[in-house]
PDB file of N, CA and C in Angstrom:
ATOM      1  N   MET A   1     151.904 202.381  32.082  1.00  0.00           N
ATOM      2  CA  MET A   1     150.606 202.674  31.489  1.00  0.00           C
ATOM      3  C   MET A   1     149.836 201.366  31.282  1.00  0.00           C
ATOM      4  N   THR A   2     148.551 201.496  31.156  1.00  0.00           N
ATOM      5  CA  THR A   2     147.719 200.342  30.881  1.00  0.00           C
ATOM      6  C   THR A   2     147.267 200.385  29.423  1.00  0.00           C
ATOM      7  N   THR A   3     146.761 199.281  28.960  1.00  0.00           N
ATOM      8  CA  THR A   3     146.251 199.221  27.592  1.00  0.00           C
ATOM      9  C   THR A   3     145.163 200.258  27.381  1.00  0.00           C
ATOM     10  N   GLU A   4     144.277 200.422  28.355  1.00  0.00           N
ATOM     11  CA  GLU A   4     143.192 201.401  28.227  1.00  0.00           C
ATOM     12  C   GLU A   4     143.743 202.818  28.104  1.00  0.00           C
ATOM     13  N   LYS A   5     144.716 203.144  28.950  1.00  0.00           N
ATOM     14  CA  LYS A   5     145.298 204.487  28.908  1.00  0.00           C
ATOM     15  C   LYS A   5     146.080 204.707  27.614  1.00  0.00           C
ATOM     16  N   ASP A   6     146.808 203.674  27.182  1.00  0.00           N
ATOM     17  CA  ASP A   6     147.551 203.785  25.921  1.00  0.00           C
ATOM     18  C   ASP A   6     146.597 204.019  24.753  1.00  0.00           C
ATOM     19  N   THR A   7     145.522 203.272  24.722  1.00  0.00           N
ATOM     20  CA  THR A   7     144.545 203.409  23.646  1.00  0.00           C
ATOM     21  C   THR A   7     143.914 204.794  23.655  1.00  0.00           C
ATOM     22  N   LEU A   8     143.539 205.269  24.821  1.00  0.00           N
ATOM     23  CA  LEU A   8     142.958 206.603  24.939  1.00  0.00           C
ATOM     24  C   LEU A   8     143.956 207.662  24.474  1.00  0.00           C
ATOM     25  N   THR A   9     145.214 207.521  24.867  1.00  0.00           N
ATOM     26  CA  THR A   9     146.238 208.478  24.450  1.00  0.00           C
ATOM     27  C   THR A   9     146.391 208.497  22.933  1.00  0.00           C
ATOM     28  N   VAL A  10     146.421 207.322  22.320  1.00  0.00           N
ATOM     29  CA  VAL A  10     146.568 207.236  20.862  1.00  0.00           C
ATOM     30  C   VAL A  10     145.402 207.912  20.156  1.00  0.00           C
ATOM     31  N   TRP A  11     144.169 207.584  20.552  1.00  0.00           N
ATOM     32  CA  TRP A  11     142.999 208.161  19.881  1.00  0.00           C
ATOM     33  C   TRP A  11     142.874 209.652  20.157  1.00  0.00           C
ATOM     34  N   ASN A  12     143.261 210.088  21.332  1.00  0.00           N
ATOM     35  CA  ASN A  12     143.207 211.517  21.636  1.00  0.00           C
ATOM     36  C   ASN A  12     144.255 212.278  20.819  1.00  0.00           C
ATOM     37  N   THR A  13     145.436 211.697  20.676  1.00  0.00           N
ATOM     38  CA  THR A  13     146.477 212.312  19.847  1.00  0.00           C
ATOM     39  C   THR A  13     146.022 212.382  18.393  1.00  0.00           C
ATOM     40  N   TYR A  14     145.466 211.303  17.891  1.00  0.00           N
ATOM     41  CA  TYR A  14     144.962 211.266  16.516  1.00  0.00           C
ATOM     42  C   TYR A  14     143.853 212.300  16.317  1.00  0.00           C
ATOM     43  N   GLY A  15     142.899 212.330  17.220  1.00  0.00           N
ATOM     44  CA  GLY A  15     141.792 213.271  17.110  1.00  0.00           C
ATOM     45  C   GLY A  15     142.257 214.717  17.170  1.00  0.00           C
ATOM     46  N   THR A  16     143.198 215.006  18.057  1.00  0.00           N
ATOM     47  CA  THR A  16     143.746 216.357  18.163  1.00  0.00           C
ATOM     48  C   THR A  16     144.439 216.759  16.859  1.00  0.00           C
ATOM     49  N   HIS A  17     145.183 215.837  16.280  1.00  0.00           N
ATOM     50  CA  HIS A  17     145.850 216.085  15.000  1.00  0.00           C
ATOM     51  C   HIS A  17     144.823 216.370  13.902  1.00  0.00           C
ATOM     52  N   GLN A  18     143.764 215.572  13.853  1.00  0.00           N
ATOM     53  CA  GLN A  18     142.749 215.762  12.817  1.00  0.00           C
ATOM     54  C   GLN A  18     141.979 217.066  13.036  1.00  0.00           C
ATOM     55  N   LEU A  19     141.722 217.430  14.276  1.00  0.00           N
ATOM     56  CA  LEU A  19     141.085 218.726  14.551  1.00  0.00           C
ATOM     57  C   LEU A  19     141.953 219.872  14.048  1.00  0.00           C
ATOM     58  N   ALA A  20     143.261 219.789  14.300  1.00  0.00           N
ATOM     59  CA  ALA A  20     144.184 220.836  13.870  1.00  0.00           C
ATOM     60  C   ALA A  20     144.257 220.921  12.347  1.00  0.00           C
ATOM     61  N   ARG A  21     144.171 219.780  11.681  1.00  0.00           N
ATOM     62  CA  ARG A  21     144.206 219.741  10.215  1.00  0.00           C
ATOM     63  C   ARG A  21     142.906 220.224   9.595  1.00  0.00           C
ATOM     64  N   GLY A  22     141.805 220.093  10.360  1.00  0.00           N
ATOM     65  CA  GLY A  22     140.504 220.451   9.805  1.00  0.00           C
ATOM     66  C   GLY A  22     139.988 219.407   8.824  1.00  0.00           C
ATOM     67  N   LEU A  23     140.459 218.175   8.946  1.00  0.00           N
ATOM     68  CA  LEU A  23     140.071 217.115   8.026  1.00  0.00           C
ATOM     69  C   LEU A  23     138.585 216.799   8.153  1.00  0.00           C
ATOM     70  N   GLU A  24     137.888 216.796   7.053  1.00  0.00           N
ATOM     71  CA  GLU A  24     136.479 216.420   6.998  1.00  0.00           C
ATOM     72  C   GLU A  24     136.348 215.130   6.195  1.00  0.00           C
ATOM     73  N   LEU A  25     135.944 214.064   6.833  1.00  0.00           N
ATOM     74  CA  LEU A  25     135.702 212.828   6.114  1.00  0.00           C
ATOM     75  C   LEU A  25     134.387 212.932   5.364  1.00  0.00           C
ATOM     76  N   PRO A  26     134.258 212.231   4.246  1.00  0.00           N
ATOM     77  CA  PRO A  26     133.002 212.299   3.494  1.00  0.00           C
ATOM     78  C   PRO A  26     131.856 211.662   4.272  1.00  0.00           C
ATOM     79  N   LYS A  27     130.649 211.989   3.847  1.00  0.00           N
ATOM     80  CA  LYS A  27     129.455 211.376   4.420  1.00  0.00           C
ATOM     81  C   LYS A  27     129.560 209.862   4.268  1.00  0.00           C
ATOM     82  N   LEU A  28     129.052 209.151   5.239  1.00  0.00           N
ATOM     83  CA  LEU A  28     129.107 207.693   5.213  1.00  0.00           C
ATOM     84  C   LEU A  28     128.127 207.165   4.172  1.00  0.00           C
ATOM     85  N   ASP A  29     128.643 206.628   3.079  1.00  0.00           N
ATOM     86  CA  ASP A  29     127.794 206.085   2.020  1.00  0.00           C
ATOM     87  C   ASP A  29     127.567 204.583   2.178  1.00  0.00           C
ATOM     88  N   ALA A  30     128.568 203.890   2.681  1.00  0.00           N
ATOM     89  CA  ALA A  30     128.470 202.439   2.833  1.00  0.00           C
ATOM     90  C   ALA A  30     128.915 202.043   4.228  1.00  0.00           C
ATOM     91  N   TRP A  31     128.251 201.071   4.786  1.00  0.00           N
ATOM     92  CA  TRP A  31     128.588 200.550   6.104  1.00  0.00           C
ATOM     93  C   TRP A  31     129.556 199.404   5.876  1.00  0.00           C
ATOM     94  N   ASP A  32     130.844 199.662   6.095  1.00  0.00           N
ATOM     95  CA  ASP A  32     131.839 198.653   5.724  1.00  0.00           C
ATOM     96  C   ASP A  32     132.616 198.083   6.896  1.00  0.00           C
ATOM     97  N   TRP A  33     132.264 198.445   8.126  1.00  0.00           N
ATOM     98  CA  TRP A  33     132.897 197.923   9.337  1.00  0.00           C
ATOM     99  C   TRP A  33     134.402 198.156   9.318  1.00  0.00           C
ATOM    100  N   GLY A  34     134.848 199.210   8.639  1.00  0.00           N
ATOM    101  CA  GLY A  34     136.257 199.562   8.630  1.00  0.00           C
ATOM    102  C   GLY A  34     137.068 198.922   7.521  1.00  0.00           C
ATOM    103  N   VAL A  35     136.479 198.008   6.764  1.00  0.00           N
ATOM    104  CA  VAL A  35     137.174 197.368   5.656  1.00  0.00           C
ATOM    105  C   VAL A  35     136.308 197.537   4.410  1.00  0.00           C
ATOM    106  N   PRO A  36     136.681 198.450   3.514  1.00  0.00           N
ATOM    107  CA  PRO A  36     135.865 198.692   2.324  1.00  0.00           C
ATOM    108  C   PRO A  36     135.612 197.417   1.519  1.00  0.00           C
ATOM    109  N   GLN A  37     134.393 197.295   1.045  1.00  0.00           N
ATOM    110  CA  GLN A  37     133.974 196.175   0.195  1.00  0.00           C
ATOM    111  C   GLN A  37     134.004 194.819   0.904  1.00  0.00           C
ATOM    112  N   ALA A  38     133.902 194.819   2.246  1.00  0.00           N
ATOM    113  CA  ALA A  38     133.988 193.553   2.979  1.00  0.00           C
ATOM    114  C   ALA A  38     132.823 193.398   3.935  1.00  0.00           C
ATOM    115  N   GLY A  39     132.515 192.155   4.223  1.00  0.00           N
ATOM    116  CA  GLY A  39     131.559 191.823   5.266  1.00  0.00           C
ATOM    117  C   GLY A  39     130.150 192.311   5.029  1.00  0.00           C
ATOM    118  N   PRO A  40     129.280 192.012   5.958  1.00  0.00           N
ATOM    119  CA  PRO A  40     127.887 192.428   5.789  1.00  0.00           C
ATOM    120  C   PRO A  40     127.753 193.935   5.915  1.00  0.00           C
ATOM    121  N   GLY A  41     126.810 194.481   5.202  1.00  0.00           N
ATOM    122  CA  GLY A  41     126.533 195.907   5.290  1.00  0.00           C
ATOM    123  C   GLY A  41     125.622 196.203   6.460  1.00  0.00           C
ATOM    124  N   ILE A  42     125.025 197.360   6.433  1.00  0.00           N
ATOM    125  CA  ILE A  42     124.156 197.809   7.519  1.00  0.00           C
ATOM    126  C   ILE A  42     122.928 196.909   7.661  1.00  0.00           C
ATOM    127  N   GLY A  43     122.564 196.204   6.607  1.00  0.00           N
ATOM    128  CA  GLY A  43     121.423 195.291   6.660  1.00  0.00           C
ATOM    129  C   GLY A  43     121.566 194.205   7.718  1.00  0.00           C
ATOM    130  N   ALA A  44     122.799 193.910   8.115  1.00  0.00           N
ATOM    131  CA  ALA A  44     123.025 192.889   9.142  1.00  0.00           C
ATOM    132  C   ALA A  44     122.428 193.310  10.485  1.00  0.00           C
ATOM    133  N   LEU A  45     122.201 194.601  10.665  1.00  0.00           N
ATOM    134  CA  LEU A  45     121.634 195.091  11.926  1.00  0.00           C
ATOM    135  C   LEU A  45     120.117 194.985  11.958  1.00  0.00           C
ATOM    136  N   GLY A  46     119.496 194.765  10.821  1.00  0.00           N
ATOM    137  CA  GLY A  46     118.038 194.683  10.762  1.00  0.00           C
ATOM    138  C   GLY A  46     117.421 196.073  10.812  1.00  0.00           C
ATOM    139  N   GLU A  47     116.142 196.121  11.073  1.00  0.00           N
ATOM    140  CA  GLU A  47     115.411 197.385  11.172  1.00  0.00           C
ATOM    141  C   GLU A  47     115.794 198.072  12.473  1.00  0.00           C
ATOM    142  N   VAL A  48     116.305 199.285  12.382  1.00  0.00           N
ATOM    143  CA  VAL A  48     116.780 199.989  13.575  1.00  0.00           C
ATOM    144  C   VAL A  48     115.836 201.092  14.037  1.00  0.00           C
ATOM    145  N   ALA A  49     114.877 201.475  13.234  1.00  0.00           N
ATOM    146  CA  ALA A  49     113.964 202.563  13.613  1.00  0.00           C
ATOM    147  C   ALA A  49     113.293 202.235  14.942  1.00  0.00           C
ATOM    148  N   GLY A  50     113.363 203.191  15.865  1.00  0.00           N
ATOM    149  CA  GLY A  50     112.742 203.023  17.177  1.00  0.00           C
ATOM    150  C   GLY A  50     113.578 202.293  18.204  1.00  0.00           C
ATOM    151  N   LEU A  51     114.714 201.730  17.802  1.00  0.00           N
ATOM    152  CA  LEU A  51     115.571 201.010  18.752  1.00  0.00           C
ATOM    153  C   LEU A  51     116.467 201.964  19.522  1.00  0.00           C
ATOM    154  N   ARG A  52     116.780 201.587  20.766  1.00  0.00           N
ATOM    155  CA  ARG A  52     117.817 202.280  21.537  1.00  0.00           C
ATOM    156  C   ARG A  52     119.134 201.602  21.195  1.00  0.00           C
ATOM    157  N   VAL A  53     120.056 202.380  20.628  1.00  0.00           N
ATOM    158  CA  VAL A  53     121.313 201.845  20.121  1.00  0.00           C
ATOM    159  C   VAL A  53     122.474 202.492  20.870  1.00  0.00           C
ATOM    160  N   LEU A  54     123.478 201.680  21.167  1.00  0.00           N
ATOM    161  CA  LEU A  54     124.686 202.162  21.818  1.00  0.00           C
ATOM    162  C   LEU A  54     125.873 201.880  20.906  1.00  0.00           C
ATOM    163  N   ASP A  55     126.600 202.922  20.545  1.00  0.00           N
ATOM    164  CA  ASP A  55     127.812 202.817  19.736  1.00  0.00           C
ATOM    165  C   ASP A  55     128.994 203.084  20.656  1.00  0.00           C
ATOM    166  N   LEU A  56     129.771 202.061  20.953  1.00  0.00           N
ATOM    167  CA  LEU A  56     130.931 202.192  21.841  1.00  0.00           C
ATOM    168  C   LEU A  56     132.190 202.401  21.007  1.00  0.00           C
ATOM    169  N   GLY A  57     132.933 203.439  21.318  1.00  0.00           N
ATOM    170  CA  GLY A  57     134.103 203.780  20.523  1.00  0.00           C
ATOM    171  C   GLY A  57     133.672 204.443  19.228  1.00  0.00           C
ATOM    172  N   SER A  58     132.785 205.405  19.344  1.00  0.00           N
ATOM    173  CA  SER A  58     132.106 205.995  18.179  1.00  0.00           C
ATOM    174  C   SER A  58     132.978 206.917  17.342  1.00  0.00           C
ATOM    175  N   GLY A  59     134.119 207.368  17.873  1.00  0.00           N
ATOM    176  CA  GLY A  59     134.997 208.217  17.086  1.00  0.00           C
ATOM    177  C   GLY A  59     134.278 209.436  16.531  1.00  0.00           C
ATOM    178  N   LEU A  60     134.364 209.621  15.241  1.00  0.00           N
ATOM    179  CA  LEU A  60     133.777 210.765  14.558  1.00  0.00           C
ATOM    180  C   LEU A  60     132.252 210.737  14.554  1.00  0.00           C
ATOM    181  N   GLY A  61     131.661 209.579  14.849  1.00  0.00           N
ATOM    182  CA  GLY A  61     130.207 209.490  14.969  1.00  0.00           C
ATOM    183  C   GLY A  61     129.453 209.241  13.678  1.00  0.00           C
ATOM    184  N   ARG A  62     130.153 208.927  12.595  1.00  0.00           N
ATOM    185  CA  ARG A  62     129.472 208.752  11.312  1.00  0.00           C
ATOM    186  C   ARG A  62     128.500 207.578  11.315  1.00  0.00           C
ATOM    187  N   HIS A  63     128.895 206.464  11.916  1.00  0.00           N
ATOM    188  CA  HIS A  63     127.997 205.300  11.954  1.00  0.00           C
ATOM    189  C   HIS A  63     126.782 205.587  12.842  1.00  0.00           C
ATOM    190  N   ALA A  64     127.035 206.224  13.970  1.00  0.00           N
ATOM    191  CA  ALA A  64     125.945 206.573  14.882  1.00  0.00           C
ATOM    192  C   ALA A  64     124.967 207.533  14.214  1.00  0.00           C
ATOM    193  N   ALA A  65     125.479 208.522  13.494  1.00  0.00           N
ATOM    194  CA  ALA A  65     124.615 209.482  12.798  1.00  0.00           C
ATOM    195  C   ALA A  65     123.789 208.799  11.718  1.00  0.00           C
ATOM    196  N   LYS A  66     124.374 207.830  11.043  1.00  0.00           N
ATOM    197  CA  LYS A  66     123.642 207.087  10.006  1.00  0.00           C
ATOM    198  C   LYS A  66     122.471 206.336  10.635  1.00  0.00           C
ATOM    199  N   LEU A  67     122.703 205.699  11.775  1.00  0.00           N
ATOM    200  CA  LEU A  67     121.624 204.967  12.446  1.00  0.00           C
ATOM    201  C   LEU A  67     120.552 205.922  12.958  1.00  0.00           C
ATOM    202  N   ALA A  68     120.961 207.081  13.459  1.00  0.00           N
ATOM    203  CA  ALA A  68     119.988 208.076  13.908  1.00  0.00           C
ATOM    204  C   ALA A  68     119.131 208.544  12.732  1.00  0.00           C
ATOM    205  N   ALA A  69     119.745 208.714  11.572  1.00  0.00           N
ATOM    206  CA  ALA A  69     119.003 209.124  10.372  1.00  0.00           C
ATOM    207  C   ALA A  69     117.987 208.065   9.950  1.00  0.00           C
ATOM    208  N   LEU A  70     118.244 206.821  10.333  1.00  0.00           N
ATOM    209  CA  LEU A  70     117.313 205.723  10.023  1.00  0.00           C
ATOM    210  C   LEU A  70     116.250 205.554  11.102  1.00  0.00           C
ATOM    211  N   GLY A  71     116.243 206.435  12.104  1.00  0.00           N
ATOM    212  CA  GLY A  71     115.189 206.424  13.113  1.00  0.00           C
ATOM    213  C   GLY A  71     115.539 205.813  14.444  1.00  0.00           C
ATOM    214  N   ALA A  72     116.790 205.416  14.641  1.00  0.00           N
ATOM    215  CA  ALA A  72     117.208 204.872  15.934  1.00  0.00           C
ATOM    216  C   ALA A  72     117.486 206.017  16.907  1.00  0.00           C
ATOM    217  N   GLU A  73     117.378 205.727  18.199  1.00  0.00           N
ATOM    218  CA  GLU A  73     117.800 206.643  19.254  1.00  0.00           C
ATOM    219  C   GLU A  73     119.182 206.182  19.677  1.00  0.00           C
ATOM    220  N   VAL A  74     120.208 206.895  19.248  1.00  0.00           N
ATOM    221  CA  VAL A  74     121.581 206.431  19.375  1.00  0.00           C
ATOM    222  C   VAL A  74     122.350 207.232  20.422  1.00  0.00           C
ATOM    223  N   THR A  75     123.036 206.498  21.303  1.00  0.00           N
ATOM    224  CA  THR A  75     124.008 207.095  22.203  1.00  0.00           C
ATOM    225  C   THR A  75     125.371 206.663  21.696  1.00  0.00           C
ATOM    226  N   ALA A  76     126.192 207.630  21.316  1.00  0.00           N
ATOM    227  CA  ALA A  76     127.522 207.365  20.778  1.00  0.00           C
ATOM    228  C   ALA A  76     128.553 207.751  21.834  1.00  0.00           C
ATOM    229  N   VAL A  77     129.329 206.783  22.288  1.00  0.00           N
ATOM    230  CA  VAL A  77     130.273 206.996  23.384  1.00  0.00           C
ATOM    231  C   VAL A  77     131.705 206.846  22.883  1.00  0.00           C
ATOM    232  N   ASP A  78     132.531 207.832  23.207  1.00  0.00           N
ATOM    233  CA  ASP A  78     133.956 207.733  22.929  1.00  0.00           C
ATOM    234  C   ASP A  78     134.703 208.317  24.121  1.00  0.00           C
ATOM    235  N   ALA A  79     135.791 207.675  24.513  1.00  0.00           N
ATOM    236  CA  ALA A  79     136.550 208.121  25.680  1.00  0.00           C
ATOM    237  C   ALA A  79     137.505 209.260  25.350  1.00  0.00           C
ATOM    238  N   SER A  80     137.817 209.451  24.080  1.00  0.00           N
ATOM    239  CA  SER A  80     138.766 210.485  23.686  1.00  0.00           C
ATOM    240  C   SER A  80     138.084 211.841  23.577  1.00  0.00           C
ATOM    241  N   PRO A  81     138.519 212.819  24.372  1.00  0.00           N
ATOM    242  CA  PRO A  81     137.929 214.157  24.255  1.00  0.00           C
ATOM    243  C   PRO A  81     138.073 214.750  22.853  1.00  0.00           C
ATOM    244  N   ALA A  82     139.195 214.495  22.193  1.00  0.00           N
ATOM    245  CA  ALA A  82     139.390 215.042  20.846  1.00  0.00           C
ATOM    246  C   ALA A  82     138.454 214.392  19.841  1.00  0.00           C
ATOM    247  N   GLN A  83     138.312 213.065  19.895  1.00  0.00           N
ATOM    248  CA  GLN A  83     137.390 212.388  18.977  1.00  0.00           C
ATOM    249  C   GLN A  83     135.951 212.822  19.259  1.00  0.00           C
ATOM    250  N   HIS A  84     135.608 212.958  20.530  1.00  0.00           N
ATOM    251  CA  HIS A  84     134.274 213.424  20.897  1.00  0.00           C
ATOM    252  C   HIS A  84     134.031 214.829  20.325  1.00  0.00           C
ATOM    253  N   GLN A  85     135.020 215.697  20.428  1.00  0.00           N
ATOM    254  CA  GLN A  85     134.874 217.057  19.894  1.00  0.00           C
ATOM    255  C   GLN A  85     134.682 217.035  18.388  1.00  0.00           C
ATOM    256  N   ARG A  86     135.388 216.152  17.702  1.00  0.00           N
ATOM    257  CA  ARG A  86     135.206 216.027  16.253  1.00  0.00           C
ATOM    258  C   ARG A  86     133.764 215.645  15.938  1.00  0.00           C
ATOM    259  N   ALA A  87     133.207 214.715  16.701  1.00  0.00           N
ATOM    260  CA  ALA A  87     131.827 214.284  16.471  1.00  0.00           C
ATOM    261  C   ALA A  87     130.840 215.410  16.773  1.00  0.00           C
ATOM    262  N   VAL A  88     131.048 216.094  17.885  1.00  0.00           N
ATOM    263  CA  VAL A  88     130.148 217.197  18.265  1.00  0.00           C
ATOM    264  C   VAL A  88     130.190 218.306  17.216  1.00  0.00           C
ATOM    265  N   THR A  89     131.375 218.580  16.697  1.00  0.00           N
ATOM    266  CA  THR A  89     131.521 219.613  15.672  1.00  0.00           C
ATOM    267  C   THR A  89     130.793 219.209  14.390  1.00  0.00           C
ATOM    268  N   ARG A  90     130.890 217.946  14.042  1.00  0.00           N
ATOM    269  CA  ARG A  90     130.274 217.471  12.796  1.00  0.00           C
ATOM    270  C   ARG A  90     128.769 217.282  12.922  1.00  0.00           C
ATOM    271  N   TYR A  91     128.302 216.823  14.064  1.00  0.00           N
ATOM    272  CA  TYR A  91     126.876 216.517  14.256  1.00  0.00           C
ATOM    273  C   TYR A  91     126.332 217.269  15.474  1.00  0.00           C
ATOM    274  N   PRO A  92     126.278 218.601  15.426  1.00  0.00           N
ATOM    275  CA  PRO A  92     125.886 219.351  16.618  1.00  0.00           C
ATOM    276  C   PRO A  92     124.423 219.198  17.014  1.00  0.00           C
ATOM    277  N   ASN A  93     123.541 219.014  16.080  1.00  0.00           N
ATOM    278  CA  ASN A  93     122.100 218.964  16.379  1.00  0.00           C
ATOM    279  C   ASN A  93     121.402 217.869  15.591  1.00  0.00           C
ATOM    280  N   THR A  94     121.941 216.678  15.585  1.00  0.00           N
ATOM    281  CA  THR A  94     121.352 215.585  14.822  1.00  0.00           C
ATOM    282  C   THR A  94     120.251 214.921  15.636  1.00  0.00           C
ATOM    283  N   PRO A  95     119.022 214.950  15.128  1.00  0.00           N
ATOM    284  CA  PRO A  95     117.920 214.299  15.862  1.00  0.00           C
ATOM    285  C   PRO A  95     118.212 212.813  16.094  1.00  0.00           C
ATOM    286  N   GLY A  96     117.956 212.369  17.306  1.00  0.00           N
ATOM    287  CA  GLY A  96     118.137 210.957  17.645  1.00  0.00           C
ATOM    288  C   GLY A  96     119.555 210.571  18.001  1.00  0.00           C
ATOM    289  N   LEU A  97     120.480 211.527  18.006  1.00  0.00           N
ATOM    290  CA  LEU A  97     121.890 211.231  18.288  1.00  0.00           C
ATOM    291  C   LEU A  97     122.345 211.973  19.537  1.00  0.00           C
ATOM    292  N   ARG A  98     122.849 211.204  20.487  1.00  0.00           N
ATOM    293  CA  ARG A  98     123.412 211.774  21.720  1.00  0.00           C
ATOM    294  C   ARG A  98     124.879 211.375  21.776  1.00  0.00           C
ATOM    295  N   LEU A  99     125.755 212.373  21.795  1.00  0.00           N
ATOM    296  CA  LEU A  99     127.196 212.143  21.813  1.00  0.00           C
ATOM    297  C   LEU A  99     127.710 212.302  23.236  1.00  0.00           C
ATOM    298  N   VAL A 100     128.435 211.286  23.720  1.00  0.00           N
ATOM    299  CA  VAL A 100     128.895 211.259  25.105  1.00  0.00           C
ATOM    300  C   VAL A 100     130.394 210.981  25.133  1.00  0.00           C
ATOM    301  N   CYS A 101     131.130 211.785  25.909  1.00  0.00           N
ATOM    302  CA  CYS A 101     132.549 211.526  26.134  1.00  0.00           C
ATOM    303  C   CYS A 101     132.662 210.830  27.484  1.00  0.00           C
ATOM    304  N   ALA A 102     132.943 209.538  27.453  1.00  0.00           N
ATOM    305  CA  ALA A 102     133.006 208.753  28.693  1.00  0.00           C
ATOM    306  C   ALA A 102     133.720 207.431  28.434  1.00  0.00           C
ATOM    307  N   ASP A 103     134.154 206.820  29.500  1.00  0.00           N
ATOM    308  CA  ASP A 103     134.693 205.468  29.455  1.00  0.00           C
ATOM    309  C   ASP A 103     133.554 204.501  29.170  1.00  0.00           C
ATOM    310  N   ALA A 104     133.762 203.557  28.279  1.00  0.00           N
ATOM    311  CA  ALA A 104     132.701 202.627  27.875  1.00  0.00           C
ATOM    312  C   ALA A 104     132.169 201.818  29.053  1.00  0.00           C
ATOM    313  N   VAL A 105     133.050 201.313  29.904  1.00  0.00           N
ATOM    314  CA  VAL A 105     132.611 200.496  31.039  1.00  0.00           C
ATOM    315  C   VAL A 105     131.769 201.331  32.001  1.00  0.00           C
ATOM    316  N   ALA A 106     132.214 202.537  32.278  1.00  0.00           N
ATOM    317  CA  ALA A 106     131.440 203.414  33.164  1.00  0.00           C
ATOM    318  C   ALA A 106     130.084 203.729  32.555  1.00  0.00           C
ATOM    319  N   ARG A 107     130.049 203.969  31.262  1.00  0.00           N
ATOM    320  CA  ARG A 107     128.785 204.280  30.589  1.00  0.00           C
ATOM    321  C   ARG A 107     127.829 203.087  30.657  1.00  0.00           C
ATOM    322  N   LEU A 108     128.326 201.910  30.432  1.00  0.00           N
ATOM    323  CA  LEU A 108     127.473 200.716  30.497  1.00  0.00           C
ATOM    324  C   LEU A 108     126.930 200.503  31.902  1.00  0.00           C
ATOM    325  N   ARG A 109     127.735 200.804  32.892  1.00  0.00           N
ATOM    326  CA  ARG A 109     127.322 200.639  34.284  1.00  0.00           C
ATOM    327  C   ARG A 109     126.159 201.566  34.627  1.00  0.00           C
ATOM    328  N   ASP A 110     126.164 202.776  34.043  1.00  0.00           N
ATOM    329  CA  ASP A 110     125.166 203.786  34.378  1.00  0.00           C
ATOM    330  C   ASP A 110     123.995 203.861  33.411  1.00  0.00           C
ATOM    331  N   ALA A 111     124.038 203.115  32.321  1.00  0.00           N
ATOM    332  CA  ALA A 111     123.027 203.244  31.267  1.00  0.00           C
ATOM    333  C   ALA A 111     121.880 202.255  31.452  1.00  0.00           C
ATOM    334  N   GLY A 112     120.761 202.607  30.876  1.00  0.00           N
ATOM    335  CA  GLY A 112     119.628 201.687  30.823  1.00  0.00           C
ATOM    336  C   GLY A 112     119.853 200.650  29.737  1.00  0.00           C
ATOM    337  N   PRO A 113     118.862 199.819  29.491  1.00  0.00           N
ATOM    338  CA  PRO A 113     119.024 198.771  28.484  1.00  0.00           C
ATOM    339  C   PRO A 113     119.019 199.333  27.054  1.00  0.00           C
ATOM    340  N   TYR A 114     119.746 198.666  26.186  1.00  0.00           N
ATOM    341  CA  TYR A 114     119.779 198.977  24.762  1.00  0.00           C
ATOM    342  C   TYR A 114     119.361 197.733  23.987  1.00  0.00           C
ATOM    343  N   GLU A 115     118.714 197.957  22.850  1.00  0.00           N
ATOM    344  CA  GLU A 115     118.340 196.821  22.000  1.00  0.00           C
ATOM    345  C   GLU A 115     119.474 196.413  21.075  1.00  0.00           C
ATOM    346  N   LEU A 116     120.397 197.332  20.803  1.00  0.00           N
ATOM    347  CA  LEU A 116     121.496 197.059  19.891  1.00  0.00           C
ATOM    348  C   LEU A 116     122.741 197.773  20.393  1.00  0.00           C
ATOM    349  N   VAL A 117     123.850 197.026  20.514  1.00  0.00           N
ATOM    350  CA  VAL A 117     125.121 197.586  20.928  1.00  0.00           C
ATOM    351  C   VAL A 117     126.160 197.154  19.902  1.00  0.00           C
ATOM    352  N   PHE A 118     126.954 198.102  19.432  1.00  0.00           N
ATOM    353  CA  PHE A 118     128.035 197.729  18.516  1.00  0.00           C
ATOM    354  C   PHE A 118     129.273 198.544  18.824  1.00  0.00           C
ATOM    355  N   LEU A 119     130.409 198.016  18.352  1.00  0.00           N
ATOM    356  CA  LEU A 119     131.721 198.642  18.590  1.00  0.00           C
ATOM    357  C   LEU A 119     132.284 199.140  17.293  1.00  0.00           C
TER     358      LEU A 119
END
């Protein structure tokens, strides 16, 4: 196996488990980059309204949905079908949010320019 395939397998297994559990994470209140109470908050991104934003490895899509709520046009990409399904289930009709299940490299190859890209 390759690192990419191993990573996809892990996230797909995790997402499938969480789908089966029906786990609902709370609404994103703070932008903590995965470490609570650490690092710069969402302000580090500047004004996002009107920007084309790409979220690579978007998982559940909470960060992408937050940026869409602030007026960004966000494409959230995750390679795991299970994680993508979790995001689609949680954010089925969020204005400004497009959820895509695809390989990040393939998506970048086929996408137009973005003003902001984050992982």
